[in-house]
Protein backbone atom coordinates (compact mmCIF):
# COMPACT_ATOMS: atom_id res chain seq x y z
CA UNK A 1 107.51 -148.35 10.24
CA UNK A 2 109.42 -150.80 12.43
CA UNK A 3 111.54 -151.80 9.43
CA UNK A 4 112.40 -148.16 8.73
CA UNK A 5 113.39 -147.60 12.34
CA UNK A 6 115.54 -150.72 12.24
CA UNK A 7 117.25 -149.50 9.07
CA UNK A 8 117.85 -146.07 10.59
CA UNK A 9 119.30 -147.64 13.75
CA UNK A 10 121.54 -149.90 11.66
CA UNK A 11 122.95 -147.05 9.60
CA UNK A 12 123.46 -144.92 12.68
CA UNK A 13 125.41 -147.79 14.18
CA UNK A 14 127.50 -148.12 11.01
CA UNK A 15 128.23 -144.38 10.98
CA UNK A 16 129.25 -144.42 14.63
CA UNK A 17 131.46 -147.47 14.03
CA UNK A 18 133.12 -145.77 11.05
CA UNK A 19 133.80 -142.60 13.06
CA UNK A 20 135.15 -144.69 15.92
CA UNK A 21 137.39 -146.62 13.53
CA UNK A 22 138.85 -143.41 12.10
CA UNK A 23 139.38 -141.85 15.53
CA UNK A 24 140.77 -145.10 16.91
CA UNK A 25 143.24 -145.45 14.04
CA UNK A 26 144.53 -141.92 14.61
CA UNK A 27 144.75 -142.47 18.36
CA UNK A 28 146.60 -145.77 17.83
CA UNK A 29 149.16 -144.19 15.51
CA UNK A 30 149.72 -141.29 17.93
CA UNK A 31 150.09 -143.61 20.91
CA UNK A 32 152.62 -145.90 19.21
CA UNK A 33 154.71 -143.02 17.90
CA UNK A 34 154.64 -141.05 21.14
CA UNK A 35 155.21 -143.98 23.49
CA UNK A 36 158.21 -145.19 21.50
CA UNK A 37 159.52 -141.77 20.55
CA UNK A 38 159.17 -139.67 23.71
CA UNK A 39 162.13 -141.33 25.52
CA UNK A 40 164.43 -140.21 22.68
CA UNK A 41 162.79 -136.81 22.16
CA UNK A 42 164.94 -134.04 23.58
CA UNK A 43 166.18 -130.57 22.75
CA UNK A 44 169.15 -131.92 20.83
CA UNK A 45 166.82 -133.71 18.41
CA UNK A 46 165.41 -130.42 17.13
CA UNK A 47 168.42 -128.13 17.55
CA UNK A 48 171.34 -130.20 16.24
CA UNK A 49 172.31 -131.87 12.99
CA UNK A 50 173.63 -135.47 13.00
CA UNK A 51 177.16 -135.67 14.36
CA UNK A 52 179.72 -138.32 13.49
CA UNK A 53 178.39 -141.72 14.51
CA UNK A 54 174.81 -140.48 14.92
CA UNK A 55 173.45 -143.57 13.16
CA UNK A 56 175.50 -145.70 15.53
CA UNK A 57 173.75 -144.25 18.55
CA UNK A 58 175.96 -141.24 19.26
CA UNK A 59 174.98 -137.59 19.71
CA UNK A 60 173.15 -135.36 17.29
CA UNK A 61 169.68 -134.54 16.04
CA UNK A 62 167.50 -134.20 12.96
CA UNK A 63 167.47 -130.43 12.51
CA UNK A 64 168.69 -130.98 8.96
CA UNK A 65 165.65 -133.14 8.18
CA UNK A 66 163.21 -130.73 9.88
CA UNK A 67 164.53 -127.77 7.88
CA UNK A 68 164.66 -129.85 4.70
CA UNK A 69 161.08 -131.10 5.06
CA UNK A 70 159.85 -127.56 5.71
CA UNK A 71 161.65 -126.23 2.62
CA UNK A 72 160.41 -129.09 0.43
CA UNK A 73 156.80 -129.02 1.63
CA UNK A 74 156.31 -125.25 1.67
CA UNK A 75 158.11 -124.82 -1.65
CA UNK A 76 156.09 -127.56 -3.34
CA UNK A 77 152.79 -126.36 -1.84
CA UNK A 78 153.42 -122.80 -3.02
CA UNK A 79 154.33 -124.05 -6.51
CA UNK A 80 151.29 -126.35 -6.64
CA UNK A 81 149.05 -123.47 -5.57
CA UNK A 82 150.37 -121.26 -8.36
CA UNK A 83 149.65 -124.04 -10.88
CA UNK A 84 146.30 -125.11 -9.42
CA UNK A 85 144.54 -121.75 -9.26
CA UNK A 86 144.56 -121.12 -13.06
CA UNK A 87 143.42 -124.71 -13.66
CA UNK A 88 140.52 -124.36 -11.24
CA UNK A 89 139.65 -121.00 -12.75
CA UNK A 90 139.52 -122.49 -16.24
CA UNK A 91 137.37 -125.42 -15.13
CA UNK A 92 134.56 -123.07 -14.11
CA UNK A 93 131.69 -122.94 -16.59
CA UNK A 94 132.13 -119.17 -16.87
CA UNK A 95 135.58 -119.62 -18.43
CA UNK A 96 135.50 -123.05 -20.08
CA UNK A 97 133.52 -122.95 -23.30
CA UNK A 98 134.34 -126.61 -24.03
CA UNK A 99 132.74 -128.75 -21.33
CA UNK A 100 134.22 -131.92 -22.82
CA UNK A 101 137.74 -130.57 -22.37
CA UNK A 102 136.97 -129.65 -18.77
CA UNK A 103 135.79 -133.23 -18.25
CA UNK A 104 139.01 -134.59 -19.76
CA UNK A 105 141.03 -132.27 -17.50
CA UNK A 106 139.20 -133.49 -14.40
CA UNK A 107 139.75 -137.10 -15.47
CA UNK A 108 143.45 -136.39 -16.00
CA UNK A 109 143.71 -134.86 -12.54
CA UNK A 110 141.99 -137.90 -11.03
CA UNK A 111 144.46 -140.21 -12.78
CA UNK A 112 147.42 -138.08 -11.70
CA UNK A 113 146.09 -138.14 -8.13
CA UNK A 114 146.15 -141.93 -8.14
CA UNK A 115 149.66 -142.35 -9.53
CA UNK A 116 152.07 -143.67 -6.84
CA UNK A 117 154.57 -141.07 -5.70
CA UNK A 118 157.48 -143.40 -6.53
CA UNK A 119 156.50 -143.00 -10.19
CA UNK A 120 156.80 -139.23 -9.87
CA UNK A 121 160.18 -139.72 -8.23
CA UNK A 122 161.37 -141.99 -11.03
CA UNK A 123 160.01 -139.57 -13.66
CA UNK A 124 161.77 -136.64 -12.02
CA UNK A 125 164.98 -138.66 -11.73
CA UNK A 126 164.94 -139.49 -15.46
CA UNK A 127 164.37 -135.84 -16.36
CA UNK A 128 167.19 -134.77 -14.04
CA UNK A 129 169.56 -137.29 -15.63
CA UNK A 130 168.60 -136.02 -19.09
CA UNK A 131 169.53 -132.45 -18.14
CA UNK A 132 172.60 -133.51 -16.21
CA UNK A 133 171.22 -132.45 -12.82
CA UNK A 134 171.85 -134.13 -9.50
CA UNK A 135 169.62 -134.68 -6.49
CA UNK A 136 168.80 -131.30 -4.96
CA UNK A 137 166.23 -129.23 -3.10
CA UNK A 138 164.93 -127.92 -6.42
CA UNK A 139 164.49 -131.45 -7.78
CA UNK A 140 162.60 -132.46 -4.65
CA UNK A 141 160.31 -129.42 -4.87
CA UNK A 142 159.53 -130.17 -8.52
CA UNK A 143 158.72 -133.82 -7.78
CA UNK A 144 156.56 -132.92 -4.77
CA UNK A 145 154.80 -130.24 -6.83
CA UNK A 146 153.77 -132.93 -9.31
CA UNK A 147 152.47 -135.02 -6.41
CA UNK A 148 150.53 -132.19 -4.75
CA UNK A 149 149.17 -130.35 -7.78
CA UNK A 150 146.42 -132.83 -8.83
CA UNK A 151 145.32 -133.25 -5.20
CA UNK A 152 145.07 -129.52 -4.65
CA UNK A 153 143.50 -128.70 -8.01
CA UNK A 154 140.86 -131.43 -7.82
CA UNK A 155 139.90 -130.58 -4.24
CA UNK A 156 139.70 -126.88 -5.05
CA UNK A 157 137.60 -127.60 -8.11
CA UNK A 158 135.01 -129.51 -6.07
CA UNK A 159 134.86 -126.69 -3.51
CA UNK A 160 134.41 -123.98 -6.14
CA UNK A 161 131.65 -125.97 -7.86
CA UNK A 162 129.67 -125.87 -4.61
CA UNK A 163 129.42 -122.08 -4.70
CA UNK A 164 125.74 -121.23 -5.44
CA UNK A 165 125.17 -120.04 -8.99
CA UNK A 166 122.76 -117.42 -7.64
CA UNK A 167 125.67 -115.55 -6.03
CA UNK A 168 127.48 -115.28 -9.33
CA UNK A 169 124.31 -114.29 -11.15
CA UNK A 170 123.70 -111.54 -8.59
CA UNK A 171 127.25 -110.28 -9.09
CA UNK A 172 126.83 -110.20 -12.86
CA UNK A 173 123.53 -108.36 -12.45
CA UNK A 174 125.32 -105.64 -10.51
CA UNK A 175 127.74 -105.18 -13.41
CA UNK A 176 130.75 -107.11 -12.15
CA UNK A 177 133.03 -108.80 -14.67
CA UNK A 178 133.84 -112.50 -14.61
CA UNK A 179 137.24 -111.83 -13.06
CA UNK A 180 135.76 -109.56 -10.38
CA UNK A 181 133.07 -112.13 -9.62
CA UNK A 182 135.66 -114.87 -9.29
CA UNK A 183 137.99 -112.85 -7.05
CA UNK A 184 135.43 -111.12 -4.83
CA UNK A 185 132.58 -113.64 -4.73
CA UNK A 186 133.65 -117.17 -5.71
CA UNK A 187 137.09 -117.28 -4.08
CA UNK A 188 135.84 -115.53 -0.93
CA UNK A 189 132.87 -117.87 -0.62
CA UNK A 190 135.05 -120.95 -1.15
CA UNK A 191 138.04 -119.75 0.91
CA UNK A 192 137.61 -122.13 3.90
CA UNK A 193 137.40 -125.09 1.52
CA UNK A 194 140.37 -123.82 -0.48
CA UNK A 195 142.46 -123.70 2.69
CA UNK A 196 141.45 -127.28 3.42
CA UNK A 197 142.56 -128.30 -0.08
CA UNK A 198 145.94 -126.64 0.46
CA UNK A 199 146.31 -128.42 3.79
CA UNK A 200 145.41 -131.76 2.20
CA UNK A 201 148.13 -131.31 -0.41
CA UNK A 202 150.63 -130.06 2.16
CA UNK A 203 150.04 -133.11 4.36
CA UNK A 204 150.68 -135.39 1.39
CA UNK A 205 153.84 -133.50 0.48
CA UNK A 206 155.49 -133.27 3.89
CA UNK A 207 154.95 -136.96 4.58
CA UNK A 208 156.02 -138.31 1.20
CA UNK A 209 159.32 -140.16 0.98
CA UNK A 210 159.25 -141.99 -2.35
CA UNK A 211 159.16 -138.93 -4.61
CA UNK A 212 162.12 -137.23 -2.89
CA UNK A 213 164.28 -140.32 -2.47
CA UNK A 214 165.82 -139.95 -5.94
CA UNK A 215 165.19 -136.25 -6.56
CA UNK A 216 166.14 -134.53 -3.28
CA UNK A 217 168.66 -137.06 -1.99
CA UNK A 218 169.80 -136.89 1.62
CA UNK A 219 172.47 -135.04 3.55
CA UNK A 220 173.44 -134.36 7.13
CA UNK A 221 173.85 -130.66 6.37
CA UNK A 222 171.24 -127.91 6.60
CA UNK A 223 169.65 -126.69 3.33
CA UNK A 224 171.87 -124.02 1.82
CA UNK A 225 171.04 -123.94 -1.89
CA UNK A 226 168.41 -125.05 -4.37
CA UNK A 227 171.07 -127.05 -6.18
CA UNK A 228 172.31 -128.99 -3.16
CA UNK A 229 170.85 -132.25 -1.74
CA UNK A 230 168.49 -131.88 1.20
CA UNK A 231 167.29 -134.19 3.98
CA UNK A 232 163.65 -134.88 4.87
CA UNK A 233 161.93 -136.28 7.94
CA UNK A 234 160.26 -139.26 6.21
CA UNK A 235 163.64 -140.43 4.91
CA UNK A 236 165.21 -139.74 8.31
CA UNK A 237 162.62 -142.07 9.86
CA UNK A 238 163.32 -144.70 7.20
CA UNK A 239 167.10 -144.60 7.56
CA UNK A 240 166.99 -144.66 11.36
CA UNK A 241 164.55 -147.57 11.48
CA UNK A 242 166.83 -149.50 9.11
CA UNK A 243 169.70 -149.50 11.61
CA UNK A 244 170.14 -152.41 14.06
CA UNK A 245 170.69 -150.09 17.05
CA UNK A 246 167.69 -149.71 19.41
CA UNK A 247 168.72 -146.17 20.37
CA UNK A 248 168.63 -145.03 16.76
CA UNK A 249 165.34 -146.83 16.11
CA UNK A 250 163.88 -144.95 19.08
CA UNK A 251 165.02 -141.72 17.45
CA UNK A 252 163.11 -142.75 14.33
CA UNK A 253 159.87 -142.69 16.33
CA UNK A 254 160.91 -139.36 17.84
CA UNK A 255 161.41 -138.03 14.29
CA UNK A 256 157.96 -139.33 13.42
CA UNK A 257 156.53 -137.47 16.42
CA UNK A 258 158.19 -134.26 15.23
CA UNK A 259 156.69 -134.78 11.77
CA UNK A 260 153.24 -135.30 13.27
CA UNK A 261 153.73 -132.14 15.33
CA UNK A 262 154.55 -130.12 12.20
CA UNK A 263 151.41 -131.38 10.46
CA UNK A 264 149.34 -130.65 13.57
CA UNK A 265 150.63 -127.07 13.77
CA UNK A 266 149.80 -126.43 10.11
CA UNK A 267 146.37 -128.06 10.56
CA UNK A 268 145.52 -125.88 13.56
CA UNK A 269 146.74 -122.76 11.76
CA UNK A 270 144.59 -123.55 8.73
CA UNK A 271 141.56 -124.19 10.95
CA UNK A 272 142.01 -120.83 12.63
CA UNK A 273 142.32 -119.10 9.26
CA UNK A 274 139.26 -120.93 7.94
CA UNK A 275 137.22 -119.79 10.93
CA UNK A 276 138.43 -116.25 10.42
CA UNK A 277 137.25 -116.23 6.80
CA UNK A 278 133.99 -118.10 7.44
CA UNK A 279 132.26 -114.75 8.00
CA UNK A 280 132.37 -114.23 4.26
CA UNK A 281 130.53 -117.50 3.61
CA UNK A 282 126.82 -117.28 2.90
CA UNK A 283 125.03 -120.32 4.29
């Protein structure tokens, strides 16, 4: 009995240490970014585009990168969602008659999830060269969609698989079709988890720099067309940190703080939506 209590105490200690490590890492990142970025964070940072000499320490802001990141992330997340939902639907046992193919699909998604984003960027760049396209907002959205899609699809698949089979059986007993059961029972039951999957993919997309470096390019102008280059906050942070001017480096941390703020707003919004739809979840 004493040995069991000792084991329980040890694992409780390990769990508490793990939670503290995660929370401490997040707090450390926030503190470093905010402490170094707040002195440079002002209204001009979020309302102006870079002026001449901005990267030499002169006036301007990163409105172009904020708008570009929003366009890239929301466009890629919407595209990934459109692609992921049919995949997740097919992977359900009710629709997939070949379990081996569903297993191969899940394995492929796992492999795609683990591929570095720079590979997606290089792949997209080669395809764009083949078709004679240049770096653009559309190219960045396509590359980010490839990055987000396996993350979103795999996370959604795991959430949908947790829906109790009894709920679906009850729906079939009442005469509902497979499509009606999926739309009105499965999706509704899994909705909070599906929102979390979308958020997970969105967070990966809005913070990714490697995949858009070659495909979206960079510009000091605001996004105006799908065929024009577009800026992004991760690349803005990279380019500003690469300068030898302390004022510009400080702005890089301010840009990072803005990026964290955007992710935080989306996270809070998704949490509120998840709570709203939790009333449909049967526990």
